[in-house]
Amino acid sequence: MNQRVPTLLFVIGPPAVGKMTVGNAIAARTGFRVFHNHLTIEPVLRFFDFGTPPFHRLVESFRAGVLEEVAASDLPGLVFTYVWAFDHPGDAEAVSKYAEPFVRRGGRVLFLELEASQEARLKRNAGADRLAEKASKRDLGRSRLHLLEADDRYRLNSTTEFAGRDDHLRVDNTDLTPGEVADLAVERLSLPGRSARQS
């Protein structure tokens, strides 16, 4: 009988804050797998425009299927990256839905929230790793505009939503490396494995 407690770590924050890169650094320290949000977005964009009803249905179906299967598996855990608009109620509902397969199995659901200056994020927006994984971001002019518009339109970092909770860690990674952030996450969120500082 499998006694493993499934763990889902949301890495949240605005566009180009470094969610995928930090997630990969955490995975290297914990054995978790990384499910960055563009793994579902990019394939669907080949067929349907962003934001259309078929796009949403396919992306949500793909995400729900992966999360359900990972929660039921022997994998040590999953890092899931997500841009959460805190002033958009639908995003909170989506996060609850994504977490449900883990909650149902008595698993841990944790949140690593990243924030960084807009200047730093605009630089990261053109980073090689980001462009390699996210084909839709390779039009740098359009991608830059999307980042600026998202900053203007939405509140992409929390205020009081996680107050007093020990399942949440917020890190300003403007001047931190992905490895430094991963070490903090492993230590503060009691993730399996050891941080580089402890090795």
Protein backbone atom coordinates (compact mmCIF):
# COMPACT_ATOMS: atom_id res chain seq x y z
CA MET A 1 0.00 0.00 0.00
CA ASN A 2 1.35 3.41 -0.94
CA GLN A 3 1.85 5.57 2.17
CA ARG A 4 3.36 8.47 0.26
CA VAL A 5 1.89 11.88 1.05
CA PRO A 6 1.57 13.71 -2.28
CA THR A 7 2.96 17.24 -2.39
CA LEU A 8 1.94 20.02 -4.75
CA LEU A 9 4.08 23.16 -4.73
CA PHE A 10 2.58 26.12 -6.55
CA VAL A 11 5.21 28.60 -7.71
CA ILE A 12 3.26 31.77 -8.33
CA GLY A 13 4.08 35.29 -9.41
CA PRO A 14 3.89 37.70 -12.34
CA PRO A 15 5.14 36.95 -15.85
CA ALA A 16 8.92 36.48 -16.23
CA VAL A 17 9.56 36.53 -12.48
CA GLY A 18 11.44 33.23 -12.77
CA LYS A 19 8.85 30.64 -11.79
CA MET A 20 9.99 27.93 -14.21
CA THR A 21 13.69 28.46 -13.52
CA VAL A 22 13.19 28.39 -9.75
CA GLY A 23 10.93 25.36 -10.16
CA ASN A 24 13.68 23.52 -12.02
CA ALA A 25 16.16 24.38 -9.24
CA ILE A 26 13.73 23.04 -6.63
CA ALA A 27 13.22 19.88 -8.68
CA ALA A 28 16.98 19.31 -8.77
CA ARG A 29 17.04 19.43 -4.96
CA THR A 30 13.89 17.41 -4.23
CA GLY A 31 13.20 15.04 -7.11
CA PHE A 32 9.89 16.81 -7.78
CA ARG A 33 8.75 17.12 -11.39
CA VAL A 34 8.08 20.53 -12.94
CA PHE A 35 4.78 21.24 -14.66
CA HIS A 36 5.18 24.80 -15.90
CA ASN A 37 2.02 26.37 -17.23
CA HIS A 38 3.29 26.70 -20.80
CA LEU A 39 3.52 22.91 -21.15
CA THR A 40 -0.23 23.08 -21.66
CA ILE A 41 -0.45 26.47 -23.35
CA GLU A 42 2.03 25.99 -26.19
CA PRO A 43 0.53 22.83 -27.75
CA VAL A 44 -2.99 24.25 -27.66
CA LEU A 45 -1.88 27.51 -29.31
CA ARG A 46 -1.14 25.47 -32.43
CA PHE A 47 -4.89 25.00 -32.83
CA PHE A 48 -6.75 27.77 -31.00
CA ASP A 49 -6.03 31.39 -30.09
CA PHE A 50 -5.21 32.28 -26.49
CA GLY A 51 -8.31 32.98 -24.43
CA THR A 52 -10.87 31.37 -26.75
CA PRO A 53 -13.33 28.84 -25.28
CA PRO A 54 -11.71 25.83 -27.02
CA PHE A 55 -8.29 27.02 -25.78
CA HIS A 56 -9.52 27.19 -22.19
CA ARG A 57 -11.28 23.84 -22.33
CA LEU A 58 -8.24 22.02 -23.69
CA VAL A 59 -5.73 23.67 -21.35
CA GLU A 60 -7.89 23.00 -18.29
CA SER A 61 -8.52 19.41 -19.33
CA PHE A 62 -4.81 18.76 -19.86
CA ARG A 63 -3.86 20.33 -16.53
CA ALA A 64 -6.57 18.49 -14.61
CA GLY A 65 -5.50 15.16 -16.07
CA VAL A 66 -1.81 15.61 -15.25
CA LEU A 67 -2.51 16.82 -11.70
CA GLU A 68 -4.87 13.91 -11.01
CA GLU A 69 -2.37 11.34 -12.28
CA VAL A 70 0.59 12.82 -10.40
CA ALA A 71 -1.38 13.01 -7.15
CA ALA A 72 -2.19 9.30 -7.50
CA SER A 73 1.35 8.29 -8.49
CA ASP A 74 4.53 7.40 -6.63
CA LEU A 75 6.24 10.63 -7.72
CA PRO A 76 7.69 12.59 -4.77
CA GLY A 77 5.90 15.78 -5.68
CA LEU A 78 5.03 18.32 -8.34
CA VAL A 79 5.99 21.95 -8.93
CA PHE A 80 3.22 23.76 -10.78
CA THR A 81 3.83 27.31 -12.02
CA TYR A 82 0.95 29.74 -12.29
CA VAL A 83 0.35 33.44 -12.84
CA TRP A 84 -2.32 34.22 -10.24
CA ALA A 85 -4.33 37.42 -10.65
CA PHE A 86 -5.41 37.98 -7.06
CA ASP A 87 -8.11 40.45 -8.07
CA HIS A 88 -9.70 37.90 -10.42
CA PRO A 89 -11.91 35.44 -8.46
CA GLY A 90 -11.67 32.84 -11.20
CA ASP A 91 -7.96 32.37 -10.52
CA ALA A 92 -8.50 31.48 -6.86
CA GLU A 93 -11.15 28.99 -7.95
CA ALA A 94 -8.72 27.50 -10.48
CA VAL A 95 -6.00 27.11 -7.84
CA SER A 96 -8.45 25.29 -5.54
CA LYS A 97 -9.45 23.00 -8.40
CA TYR A 98 -5.82 22.24 -9.30
CA ALA A 99 -5.05 21.41 -5.66
CA GLU A 100 -8.09 19.18 -5.14
CA PRO A 101 -6.54 15.83 -6.21
CA PHE A 102 -3.76 16.37 -3.66
CA VAL A 103 -6.08 17.59 -0.90
CA ARG A 104 -8.38 14.61 -1.46
CA ARG A 105 -5.46 12.28 -0.80
CA GLY A 106 -4.36 14.09 2.37
CA GLY A 107 -1.41 15.70 0.57
CA ARG A 108 0.47 18.91 1.21
CA VAL A 109 -0.31 21.96 -0.90
CA LEU A 110 2.31 24.70 -0.62
CA PHE A 111 2.86 28.11 -2.19
CA LEU A 112 6.13 29.76 -3.15
CA GLU A 113 5.38 33.29 -4.27
CA LEU A 114 7.98 35.20 -6.24
CA GLU A 115 8.19 38.93 -6.76
CA ALA A 116 10.77 40.99 -8.61
CA SER A 117 11.09 44.47 -10.03
CA GLN A 118 9.54 45.11 -13.40
CA GLU A 119 12.98 46.03 -14.74
CA ALA A 120 14.37 42.62 -13.73
CA ARG A 121 11.38 40.81 -15.22
CA LEU A 122 11.65 42.66 -18.52
CA LYS A 123 15.26 41.45 -18.77
CA ARG A 124 14.29 37.89 -17.88
CA ASN A 125 11.52 38.01 -20.46
CA ALA A 126 14.20 37.64 -23.15
CA GLY A 127 16.14 34.89 -21.35
CA ALA A 128 17.29 31.88 -23.36
CA ASP A 129 15.68 29.29 -21.07
CA ARG A 130 12.33 31.08 -21.20
CA LEU A 131 12.36 31.38 -24.97
CA ALA A 132 13.44 27.74 -25.43
CA GLU A 133 10.47 26.45 -23.42
CA LYS A 134 7.86 29.03 -24.43
CA ALA A 135 7.61 29.50 -28.16
CA SER A 136 4.80 32.03 -27.83
CA LYS A 137 7.19 34.39 -26.00
CA ARG A 138 9.70 34.55 -28.85
CA ASP A 139 7.97 37.58 -30.34
CA LEU A 140 9.75 39.79 -27.82
CA GLY A 141 7.83 42.95 -28.64
CA ARG A 142 4.50 41.25 -28.12
CA SER A 143 5.73 39.42 -25.04
CA ARG A 144 7.02 42.63 -23.48
CA LEU A 145 3.70 44.34 -24.14
CA HIS A 146 1.83 41.42 -22.56
CA LEU A 147 3.98 41.71 -19.42
CA LEU A 148 3.39 45.46 -19.12
CA GLU A 149 -0.34 45.11 -19.75
CA ALA A 150 -0.65 42.33 -17.16
CA ASP A 151 1.12 44.50 -14.59
CA ASP A 152 -1.28 47.36 -15.29
CA ARG A 153 -4.44 45.26 -15.38
CA TYR A 154 -4.01 42.76 -12.53
CA ARG A 155 -2.66 42.42 -8.99
CA LEU A 156 -0.13 39.66 -9.50
CA ASN A 157 1.28 39.41 -5.98
CA SER A 158 -0.66 38.75 -2.81
CA THR A 159 -1.48 41.23 -0.07
CA THR A 160 -3.39 39.57 2.79
CA GLU A 161 -4.43 36.34 1.09
CA PHE A 162 -1.80 34.24 2.88
CA ALA A 163 -1.59 36.17 6.15
CA GLY A 164 -0.67 33.93 9.06
CA ARG A 165 -0.32 30.80 6.94
CA ASP A 166 2.67 28.47 7.16
CA ASP A 167 2.03 26.90 3.75
CA HIS A 168 3.25 30.05 1.97
CA LEU A 169 6.67 31.60 1.40
CA ARG A 170 7.12 34.91 -0.40
CA VAL A 171 10.53 35.77 -1.83
CA ASP A 172 11.74 38.87 -3.63
CA ASN A 173 14.09 37.29 -6.15
CA THR A 174 15.13 40.48 -7.93
CA ASP A 175 18.72 39.95 -6.79
CA LEU A 176 18.71 36.25 -5.89
CA THR A 177 19.75 33.32 -8.08
CA PRO A 178 17.28 30.52 -8.75
CA GLY A 179 19.43 28.25 -6.60
CA GLU A 180 19.30 30.64 -3.65
CA VAL A 181 15.52 30.81 -3.91
CA ALA A 182 15.29 27.03 -4.17
CA ASP A 183 17.41 26.63 -1.04
CA LEU A 184 15.08 28.98 0.85
CA ALA A 185 12.04 27.06 -0.36
CA VAL A 186 13.47 23.67 0.62
CA GLU A 187 14.35 24.96 4.07
CA ARG A 188 11.33 27.13 4.91
CA LEU A 189 8.67 24.86 3.38
CA SER A 190 10.30 21.66 4.70
CA LEU A 191 10.58 20.08 1.28
CA PRO A 192 12.31 16.72 0.92
CA GLY A 193 15.99 16.77 0.09
CA ARG A 194 18.64 19.15 1.29
CA SER A 195 19.46 22.65 0.15
CA ALA A 196 22.83 23.32 -1.42
CA ARG A 197 23.89 25.16 1.74
CA GLN A 198 23.31 22.00 3.77
CA SER A 199 25.04 19.63 1.35
